[in-house]
Amino acid sequence: MHPSNILLFSFAFSVNAHFPLVDNAHGGATFDKWSDAAFITDITRSSSTSRVALCGHLYFWLKFDRPSDFDTLMVGGTVPVVERFKDDKVAVAVFGRGLPAANATQDEIDVYCDRSPIDRKCKGYDDIPDDLKVAYGEIQNDMGVDDLGVIAVPGVEDLSNCDFGEDPLTIEVTGSLYIKSSGGEDVNYATYHDWGGETRCFFHEEFGGSDMWVVQDKLIDLAGNGDHYIVFWSPGDSSLGASLTPTKFGAVFGDEGQSEDFSGDVIQAGECSLPAQDFNEQDCHGYTKPFIPGLIEDLVEFFFGEQYRFFTNFIYLPWGGAPCRDSYAVTIPNKYICGDDEPDIACTGLCHNHGTCPANESIGEFNISECATIVNEDGFPECGETCAQNICGADQNDTIYGPIGPACKIVCEDQCSFIFFDCKTVCDFPSSECVGVYEEEHS
């Protein structure tokens, strides 16, 4: 089985997980406008995906065809436990026929969105950013209808607990899987693991193996049939304002109750995307791999290849969830204010390193001009994330740079032949993204 055509299948036990709509975290021009929306093949189950919002591409769009018996849509959002994104939130807007249009009253909006246990209100067309109003007009023209409406879900004001949750599953698991946490022992995978003195609604995702903050959870009743669009973004004003900075967030969407179904094809994000451990910037500081499932995983990957790693996650569930995998060399994006002009291509994509990255004679310092001008055949910087981590936002005094990942160091491990039971210690860098400057810094 080739990883570009992965077919998932249903399982007889519950794993409290969502169908992964896209295989990796995506960003840049991928799914960043309504006309290039990711298509949800089955909106009647719970799905999720990870988004890296980059300057010039700060929105994430999805599309689905509403089944006649599908009445209520659940939308949720998460933020990976990464310190520089701690204050970021997730807003959502749903575009569909029969929903309230411009100048709708709060009472008209409440007909479709009024289940909050803490009286958290939805908004409408009048409150969405101007560029989404432009998208609304384009969608309406494309559909050829005059009854297109919008329900907009602001970012949650108080994230210190999980009381804002509306979905039945969210309410059911609050206090068990979704908890009010200040970090510490709850967080065994993420590098940032202690925000003591401050609590957050927190979730350890046991199927994929990651730590995250829950920042959105809303139920929206639908009206008309046909195509619907969902757009997620991180509001600059923490409510519904336009995005201002690069960030990372998870999008959750599907049916009320978040039913599980793992059948069907997964959309391939392509080479310019981030695997889960890089998206979550994990260091696995509190994780020890159980021996038995670890041995089974090693055997499966030895004989069949790493593309089966997704399936081996199920082996770990009886031992508390998927294994922790630490991140590679470069964590992006940096945290800075997006400008009016389109940023350089190094700041608007997720292409990876391809070979040794340029460095000055002074160890650890980049030659910025080389980094920006050496490009591959697609026009992306040859050093990918390495360039982006150093130059994106570099002209701003308050830029917060993504740290160098914990996996970018020489790792020694025993490699054994399962046939001859011959073991030897091998020391190497775990990823090609650790060559060049990072090799000099960490050798």
Protein backbone atom coordinates (compact mmCIF):
# COMPACT_ATOMS: atom_id res chain seq x y z
CA MET A 1 0.00 0.00 0.00
CA HIS A 2 1.42 3.37 -1.00
CA PRO A 3 1.00 6.21 1.52
CA SER A 4 -0.53 8.43 -1.19
CA ASN A 5 -3.54 6.13 -1.36
CA ILE A 6 -4.16 5.19 2.25
CA LEU A 7 -7.47 3.45 2.88
CA LEU A 8 -8.62 3.55 6.47
CA PHE A 9 -11.04 1.10 7.95
CA SER A 10 -13.55 0.94 10.80
CA PHE A 11 -12.71 -0.49 14.19
CA ALA A 12 -14.93 -2.18 16.73
CA PHE A 13 -13.81 -0.09 19.68
CA SER A 14 -13.96 3.60 20.54
CA VAL A 15 -10.79 5.67 20.45
CA ASN A 16 -12.30 9.14 21.02
CA ALA A 17 -10.77 10.42 17.80
CA HIS A 18 -11.78 12.18 14.61
CA PHE A 19 -11.36 11.02 11.03
CA PRO A 20 -8.19 12.71 9.72
CA LEU A 21 -9.45 14.63 6.67
CA VAL A 22 -5.88 15.49 5.56
CA ASP A 23 -2.80 13.40 6.29
CA ASN A 24 -0.54 16.23 7.47
CA ALA A 25 -0.80 19.81 8.70
CA HIS A 26 -1.28 22.10 5.69
CA GLY A 27 -0.71 25.79 5.04
CA GLY A 28 0.06 28.36 2.38
CA ALA A 29 -2.20 28.47 -0.66
CA THR A 30 -3.63 25.02 0.09
CA PHE A 31 -7.34 25.36 1.06
CA ASP A 32 -6.93 29.08 1.75
CA LYS A 33 -9.96 30.29 -0.27
CA TRP A 34 -13.50 29.07 -0.82
CA SER A 35 -12.84 28.06 -4.42
CA ASP A 36 -10.06 25.73 -3.25
CA ALA A 37 -11.85 24.41 -0.16
CA ALA A 38 -11.07 20.95 1.18
CA PHE A 39 -14.07 18.74 0.43
CA ILE A 40 -15.60 16.86 3.35
CA THR A 41 -16.78 13.57 1.87
CA ASP A 42 -18.85 12.63 4.93
CA ILE A 43 -20.09 15.46 7.13
CA THR A 44 -22.18 13.01 9.20
CA ARG A 45 -19.13 11.86 11.18
CA SER A 46 -16.52 13.74 13.17
CA SER A 47 -13.44 14.85 11.22
CA SER A 48 -10.46 17.02 11.99
CA THR A 49 -7.35 18.47 10.44
CA SER A 50 -4.42 20.70 11.41
CA ARG A 51 -3.77 24.11 9.89
CA VAL A 52 -0.66 26.30 9.82
CA ALA A 53 -1.93 29.82 9.16
CA LEU A 54 0.68 31.87 7.31
CA CYS A 55 0.70 35.53 6.28
CA GLY A 56 -1.28 35.94 3.07
CA HIS A 57 -3.01 32.59 3.69
CA LEU A 58 -4.63 33.01 7.09
CA TYR A 59 -8.00 31.35 6.38
CA PHE A 60 -8.83 27.65 6.09
CA TRP A 61 -11.86 26.71 3.94
CA LEU A 62 -13.92 23.50 3.79
CA LYS A 63 -16.93 22.50 1.72
CA PHE A 64 -19.66 19.88 2.14
CA ASP A 65 -22.94 18.92 0.51
CA ARG A 66 -25.59 18.79 3.21
CA PRO A 67 -27.52 15.49 3.33
CA SER A 68 -31.28 15.95 3.66
CA ASP A 69 -31.33 14.41 7.15
CA PHE A 70 -28.28 16.26 8.50
CA ASP A 71 -29.66 19.04 10.69
CA THR A 72 -26.94 20.10 13.12
CA LEU A 73 -23.29 20.86 12.48
CA MET A 74 -20.64 20.70 15.18
CA VAL A 75 -17.58 22.96 14.80
CA GLY A 76 -14.66 22.97 17.19
CA GLY A 77 -11.13 24.27 17.41
CA THR A 78 -7.88 23.49 19.19
CA VAL A 79 -4.46 25.09 19.53
CA PRO A 80 -1.35 22.92 20.03
CA VAL A 81 0.35 23.36 23.39
CA VAL A 82 3.02 25.72 22.06
CA GLU A 83 3.92 28.69 24.25
CA ARG A 84 4.06 31.37 21.55
CA PHE A 85 0.49 30.51 20.46
CA LYS A 86 -0.96 30.31 23.98
CA ASP A 87 -3.28 33.31 23.59
CA ASP A 88 -4.52 32.42 20.09
CA LYS A 89 -8.16 31.51 19.52
CA VAL A 90 -10.25 30.03 16.72
CA ALA A 91 -13.27 31.61 15.04
CA VAL A 92 -15.57 29.88 12.55
CA ALA A 93 -18.14 30.95 9.97
CA VAL A 94 -20.62 28.72 8.16
CA PHE A 95 -22.07 29.78 4.81
CA GLY A 96 -25.28 28.06 3.69
CA ARG A 97 -28.67 28.63 2.13
CA GLY A 98 -31.44 29.65 4.49
CA LEU A 99 -29.14 30.99 7.20
CA PRO A 100 -29.47 34.64 8.30
CA ALA A 101 -28.11 37.17 5.79
CA ALA A 102 -27.04 40.81 6.19
CA ASN A 103 -28.74 42.93 8.85
CA ALA A 104 -30.02 39.89 10.74
CA THR A 105 -31.14 40.49 14.32
CA GLN A 106 -29.73 38.55 17.24
CA ASP A 107 -33.07 36.77 17.60
CA GLU A 108 -32.88 35.63 13.96
CA ILE A 109 -29.35 34.33 14.52
CA ASP A 110 -30.32 32.59 17.76
CA VAL A 111 -32.79 30.39 15.84
CA TYR A 112 -29.77 28.54 14.41
CA CYS A 113 -27.26 28.89 17.22
CA ASP A 114 -28.56 29.12 20.77
CA ARG A 115 -27.42 26.10 22.81
CA SER A 116 -24.62 27.60 24.84
CA PRO A 117 -24.61 26.63 28.53
CA ILE A 118 -22.95 29.98 29.27
CA ASP A 119 -25.07 32.10 26.88
CA ARG A 120 -22.27 32.51 24.34
CA LYS A 121 -23.86 34.06 21.24
CA CYS A 122 -23.21 33.52 17.57
CA LYS A 123 -23.05 36.42 15.15
CA GLY A 124 -23.86 36.93 11.47
CA TYR A 125 -22.78 38.50 8.20
CA ASP A 126 -22.39 41.98 9.64
CA ASP A 127 -19.66 40.89 12.04
CA ILE A 128 -17.34 38.86 9.79
CA PRO A 129 -14.12 40.37 8.37
CA ASP A 130 -14.38 42.30 5.10
CA ASP A 131 -12.52 39.68 3.07
CA LEU A 132 -15.06 37.07 4.16
CA LYS A 133 -17.85 39.38 3.07
CA VAL A 134 -16.18 39.46 -0.35
CA ALA A 135 -16.05 35.65 -0.31
CA TYR A 136 -19.75 35.60 0.61
CA GLY A 137 -20.62 37.58 -2.52
CA GLU A 138 -18.46 35.32 -4.70
CA ILE A 139 -20.05 32.18 -3.28
CA GLN A 140 -23.53 33.59 -3.75
CA ASN A 141 -22.78 34.43 -7.39
CA ASP A 142 -21.19 31.04 -8.00
CA MET A 143 -24.18 29.21 -6.53
CA GLY A 144 -26.66 31.47 -8.32
CA VAL A 145 -28.87 31.87 -5.25
CA ASP A 146 -30.27 34.80 -3.32
CA ASP A 147 -30.79 33.12 0.06
CA LEU A 148 -27.21 32.52 1.16
CA GLY A 149 -26.62 33.29 4.83
CA VAL A 150 -23.89 33.14 7.46
CA ILE A 151 -23.55 32.02 11.04
CA ALA A 152 -20.31 33.27 12.63
CA VAL A 153 -18.86 31.81 15.85
CA PRO A 154 -16.56 34.16 17.78
CA GLY A 155 -13.51 32.97 19.65
CA VAL A 156 -14.25 31.82 23.21
CA GLU A 157 -13.68 34.63 25.69
CA ASP A 158 -12.91 32.48 28.74
CA LEU A 159 -10.69 29.45 28.09
CA SER A 160 -9.76 28.85 31.73
CA ASN A 161 -12.21 25.93 31.84
CA CYS A 162 -14.31 23.78 29.50
CA ASP A 163 -17.70 25.24 30.44
CA PHE A 164 -18.18 26.71 26.94
CA GLY A 165 -18.58 23.24 25.39
CA GLU A 166 -21.89 22.49 23.66
CA ASP A 167 -21.52 19.16 21.87
CA PRO A 168 -22.90 16.18 23.84
CA LEU A 169 -19.58 14.35 23.62
CA THR A 170 -17.72 17.41 24.88
CA ILE A 171 -20.03 17.69 27.86
CA GLU A 172 -19.83 13.96 28.50
CA VAL A 173 -16.03 13.80 28.59
CA THR A 174 -15.37 17.10 30.37
CA GLY A 175 -13.52 16.21 33.54
CA SER A 176 -12.08 13.04 32.07
CA LEU A 177 -10.58 13.67 28.65
CA TYR A 178 -11.25 17.42 28.47
CA ILE A 179 -9.90 18.85 31.71
CA LYS A 180 -9.13 22.17 33.37
CA SER A 181 -5.36 22.05 33.64
CA SER A 182 -2.37 24.20 34.46
CA GLY A 183 0.02 21.80 32.74
CA GLY A 184 2.53 19.82 34.72
CA GLU A 185 1.94 16.09 34.82
CA ASP A 186 -1.02 16.36 32.44
CA VAL A 187 1.34 17.29 29.62
CA ASN A 188 3.83 14.58 28.70
CA TYR A 189 4.25 15.23 24.98
CA ALA A 190 4.48 18.99 24.41
CA THR A 191 7.66 21.01 24.97
CA TYR A 192 5.71 23.70 26.81
CA HIS A 193 4.27 21.81 29.73
CA ASP A 194 3.73 24.16 32.64
CA TRP A 195 1.61 27.30 32.60
CA GLY A 196 1.25 27.18 36.40
CA GLY A 197 -1.12 29.58 38.12
CA GLU A 198 -3.33 29.72 35.03
CA THR A 199 -5.74 27.00 33.95
CA ARG A 200 -6.79 26.08 30.41
CA CYS A 201 -9.28 23.68 28.85
CA PHE A 202 -6.87 20.90 27.92
CA PHE A 203 -7.08 17.66 25.94
CA HIS A 204 -4.62 14.83 25.40
CA GLU A 205 -5.45 13.28 22.03
CA GLU A 206 -4.68 9.63 22.66
CA PHE A 207 -5.14 8.24 19.15
CA GLY A 208 -2.66 10.57 17.41
CA GLY A 209 -0.53 11.22 20.46
CA SER A 210 -0.49 14.98 21.15
CA ASP A 211 -1.39 17.64 23.71
CA MET A 212 -3.69 20.54 22.86
CA TRP A 213 -5.82 23.34 24.26
CA VAL A 214 -9.53 23.20 23.39
CA VAL A 215 -10.58 26.69 22.25
CA GLN A 216 -13.87 26.26 20.36
CA ASP A 217 -16.99 24.07 20.54
CA LYS A 218 -20.31 25.06 18.97
CA LEU A 219 -23.49 23.51 17.53
CA ILE A 220 -25.14 25.17 14.52
CA ASP A 221 -28.52 24.19 13.11
CA LEU A 222 -28.67 24.21 9.31
CA ALA A 223 -31.52 25.30 7.05
CA GLY A 224 -31.12 24.92 3.29
CA ASN A 225 -29.86 22.04 1.18
CA GLY A 226 -26.88 21.83 -1.16
CA ASP A 227 -23.35 23.13 -0.79
CA HIS A 228 -22.17 24.65 2.46
CA TYR A 229 -18.82 26.25 3.27
CA ILE A 230 -16.96 26.42 6.58
CA VAL A 231 -14.07 28.79 7.20
CA PHE A 232 -11.75 28.71 10.24
CA TRP A 233 -9.33 31.43 11.25
CA SER A 234 -7.52 32.83 14.29
CA PRO A 235 -9.14 36.22 15.03
CA GLY A 236 -6.76 39.07 15.68
CA ASP A 237 -9.18 40.60 18.19
CA SER A 238 -9.88 37.22 19.85
CA SER A 239 -13.49 37.43 18.62
CA LEU A 240 -14.25 37.65 14.89
CA GLY A 241 -11.65 40.11 13.60
CA ALA A 242 -9.31 39.36 10.72
CA SER A 243 -6.18 37.36 11.47
CA LEU A 244 -3.04 39.36 12.18
CA THR A 245 -0.33 36.80 12.89
CA PRO A 246 0.82 33.36 11.75
CA THR A 247 -0.33 30.57 14.04
CA LYS A 248 -1.32 26.92 14.25
CA PHE A 249 -4.74 25.51 15.04
CA GLY A 250 -6.80 22.36 14.73
CA ALA A 251 -10.23 22.36 13.08
CA VAL A 252 -12.96 19.90 14.12
CA PHE A 253 -16.25 19.51 12.23
CA GLY A 254 -19.05 17.03 11.74
CA ASP A 255 -22.16 15.73 13.40
CA GLU A 256 -23.64 16.47 16.80
CA GLY A 257 -22.21 13.85 19.14
CA GLN A 258 -18.99 13.48 17.10
CA SER A 259 -19.54 9.95 15.82
CA GLU A 260 -16.48 7.95 14.79
CA ASP A 261 -15.95 6.38 11.38
CA PHE A 262 -12.47 5.78 10.00
CA SER A 263 -13.39 4.51 6.54
CA GLY A 264 -12.44 6.31 3.33
CA ASP A 265 -9.55 8.08 1.68
CA VAL A 266 -7.44 10.73 3.38
CA ILE A 267 -6.56 13.87 1.40
CA GLN A 268 -2.81 14.10 0.79
CA ALA A 269 -1.33 17.47 1.77
CA GLY A 270 1.80 16.84 -0.31
CA GLU A 271 5.44 17.47 0.40
CA CYS A 272 4.94 21.02 1.66
CA SER A 273 3.20 20.03 4.90
CA LEU A 274 4.09 19.18 8.48
CA PRO A 275 3.77 15.76 10.14
CA ALA A 276 1.94 15.75 13.47
CA GLN A 277 5.07 15.83 15.64
CA ASP A 278 6.32 18.97 13.87
CA PHE A 279 2.93 20.67 13.99
CA ASN A 280 2.71 20.01 17.74
CA GLU A 281 6.43 20.70 18.37
CA GLN A 282 6.73 17.73 20.70
CA ASP A 283 9.69 16.83 22.86
CA CYS A 284 8.24 13.71 24.56
CA HIS A 285 9.79 14.71 27.89
CA GLY A 286 7.37 12.62 29.96
CA TYR A 287 6.88 9.65 27.66
CA THR A 288 8.35 6.17 27.85
CA LYS A 289 7.46 3.82 25.00
CA PRO A 290 5.87 0.58 26.29
CA PHE A 291 8.01 -2.40 25.36
CA ILE A 292 5.44 -4.77 23.85
CA PRO A 293 3.66 -2.38 21.44
CA GLY A 294 7.01 -0.78 20.63
CA LEU A 295 8.41 -4.12 19.57
CA ILE A 296 5.32 -4.86 17.45
CA GLU A 297 5.59 -1.45 15.79
CA ASP A 298 9.27 -2.00 15.03
CA LEU A 299 8.49 -5.35 13.45
CA VAL A 300 5.65 -3.93 11.33
CA GLU A 301 7.79 -1.03 10.10
CA PHE A 302 10.78 -3.30 9.53
CA PHE A 303 8.85 -5.64 7.26
CA PHE A 304 6.28 -3.29 5.68
CA GLY A 305 7.66 0.27 5.91
CA GLU A 306 6.86 3.45 7.81
CA GLN A 307 3.68 4.11 5.82
CA TYR A 308 2.00 1.64 8.18
CA ARG A 309 2.82 3.76 11.21
CA PHE A 310 -0.74 5.13 11.28
CA PHE A 311 -2.14 1.64 11.80
CA THR A 312 0.39 0.75 14.49
CA ASN A 313 -1.00 3.59 16.64
CA PHE A 314 -3.91 1.29 17.46
CA ILE A 315 -1.47 -1.15 19.03
CA TYR A 316 -0.71 1.42 21.72
CA LEU A 317 -4.29 2.20 22.77
CA PRO A 318 -4.47 -0.37 25.59
CA TRP A 319 -1.25 1.19 26.96
CA GLY A 320 -2.66 4.72 27.14
CA GLY A 321 -2.58 5.97 23.57
CA ALA A 322 -0.35 6.51 20.58
CA PRO A 323 3.41 6.82 21.07
CA CYS A 324 5.07 10.20 21.35
CA ARG A 325 7.25 11.19 18.41
CA ASP A 326 9.50 14.20 18.91
CA SER A 327 9.71 17.04 16.42
CA TYR A 328 12.45 17.63 13.88
CA ALA A 329 14.91 20.46 13.67
CA VAL A 330 12.84 23.51 12.80
CA THR A 331 9.62 24.72 14.42
CA ILE A 332 7.60 27.22 12.38
CA PRO A 333 5.94 29.65 12.00
CA ASN A 334 7.44 32.44 14.04
CA LYS A 335 5.03 34.76 15.85
CA TYR A 336 4.97 38.22 14.26
CA ILE A 337 2.57 40.75 12.72
CA CYS A 338 1.66 40.17 9.09
CA GLY A 339 2.26 43.18 6.86
CA ASP A 340 0.14 44.63 4.09
CA ASP A 341 2.37 43.24 1.36
CA GLU A 342 2.61 39.57 0.43
CA PRO A 343 5.57 38.14 2.39
CA ASP A 344 8.49 36.41 0.71
CA ILE A 345 7.81 32.83 -0.33
CA ALA A 346 9.89 31.55 2.58
CA CYS A 347 7.16 32.81 4.91
CA THR A 348 4.13 31.54 3.00
CA GLY A 349 4.76 27.82 2.56
CA LEU A 350 5.70 24.65 4.41
CA CYS A 351 8.27 23.16 2.07
CA HIS A 352 11.04 21.21 3.79
CA ASN A 353 14.81 21.31 3.77
CA HIS A 354 16.48 19.72 0.76
CA GLY A 355 20.13 19.34 1.56
CA THR A 356 22.71 21.38 3.44
CA CYS A 357 21.70 24.91 4.37
CA PRO A 358 24.07 27.86 3.90
CA ALA A 359 25.87 29.37 6.88
CA ASN A 360 28.32 32.14 7.55
CA GLU A 361 31.79 31.48 8.86
CA SER A 362 30.45 32.33 12.27
CA ILE A 363 28.81 29.13 13.47
CA GLY A 364 25.06 29.29 13.86
CA GLU A 365 24.41 32.50 11.92
CA PHE A 366 22.58 32.50 8.62
CA ASN A 367 23.61 34.31 5.49
CA ILE A 368 20.16 35.82 4.98
CA SER A 369 20.72 36.78 1.34
CA GLU A 370 21.76 33.24 0.42
CA CYS A 371 18.92 31.75 2.36
CA ALA A 372 16.37 33.83 0.49
CA THR A 373 17.82 33.44 -3.00
CA ILE A 374 18.80 29.77 -3.26
CA VAL A 375 15.56 28.18 -4.46
CA ASN A 376 14.50 24.84 -5.89
CA GLU A 377 12.72 24.26 -9.21
CA ASP A 378 9.38 25.21 -7.62
CA GLY A 379 10.69 28.54 -6.40
CA PHE A 380 10.80 27.62 -2.72
CA PRO A 381 13.93 28.28 -0.64
CA GLU A 382 16.21 25.28 -0.77
CA CYS A 383 16.36 25.28 3.00
CA GLY A 384 12.63 25.36 3.59
CA GLU A 385 11.70 25.70 7.24
CA THR A 386 15.28 26.53 8.17
CA CYS A 387 15.09 29.75 6.16
CA ALA A 388 11.58 30.53 7.37
CA GLN A 389 12.57 30.13 11.02
CA ASN A 390 15.34 32.68 10.62
CA ILE A 391 13.97 35.35 8.27
CA CYS A 392 10.17 35.43 8.75
CA GLY A 393 9.40 38.42 10.95
CA ALA A 394 13.11 39.23 11.35
CA ASP A 395 12.44 42.93 10.73
CA GLN A 396 10.17 43.17 13.79
CA ASN A 397 11.53 43.70 17.27
CA ASP A 398 8.83 41.65 19.00
CA THR A 399 9.04 38.54 16.79
CA ILE A 400 8.95 35.29 18.77
CA TYR A 401 11.00 32.68 16.96
CA GLY A 402 10.09 29.04 16.90
CA PRO A 403 12.73 27.08 18.82
CA ILE A 404 15.03 24.48 17.35
CA GLY A 405 13.30 21.14 17.75
CA PRO A 406 14.57 18.65 20.33
CA ALA A 407 15.17 16.00 17.69
CA CYS A 408 17.89 18.03 16.02
CA LYS A 409 20.78 16.46 17.86
CA ILE A 410 22.85 13.37 17.47
CA VAL A 411 20.82 10.37 18.59
CA CYS A 412 22.38 7.03 19.47
CA GLU A 413 20.32 3.89 19.56
CA ASP A 414 20.81 0.15 19.39
CA GLN A 415 19.81 -1.32 16.04
CA CYS A 416 19.19 -5.04 16.05
CA SER A 417 18.66 -7.57 13.32
CA PHE A 418 15.54 -9.56 14.11
CA ILE A 419 16.90 -12.39 12.01
CA PHE A 420 20.39 -12.76 13.45
CA PHE A 421 19.81 -10.98 16.79
CA ASP A 422 22.90 -8.92 16.14
CA CYS A 423 22.86 -5.47 17.79
CA LYS A 424 25.08 -2.45 17.29
CA THR A 425 24.96 1.16 18.43
CA VAL A 426 24.36 3.67 15.63
CA CYS A 427 24.65 7.44 16.13
CA ASP A 428 23.20 9.83 13.57
CA PHE A 429 20.88 12.77 13.02
CA PRO A 430 17.26 11.58 12.89
CA SER A 431 16.28 13.84 10.00
CA SER A 432 17.78 15.48 6.93
CA GLU A 433 16.41 18.73 8.36
CA CYS A 434 19.21 18.62 10.91
CA VAL A 435 22.09 19.09 8.45
CA GLY A 436 23.84 22.35 7.65
CA VAL A 437 23.66 25.08 10.26
CA TYR A 438 21.93 22.90 12.81
CA GLU A 439 24.59 20.26 12.46
CA GLU A 440 27.19 22.89 13.33
CA GLU A 441 25.16 24.21 16.27
CA HIS A 442 24.45 20.84 17.85
CA SER A 443 27.46 18.69 17.03
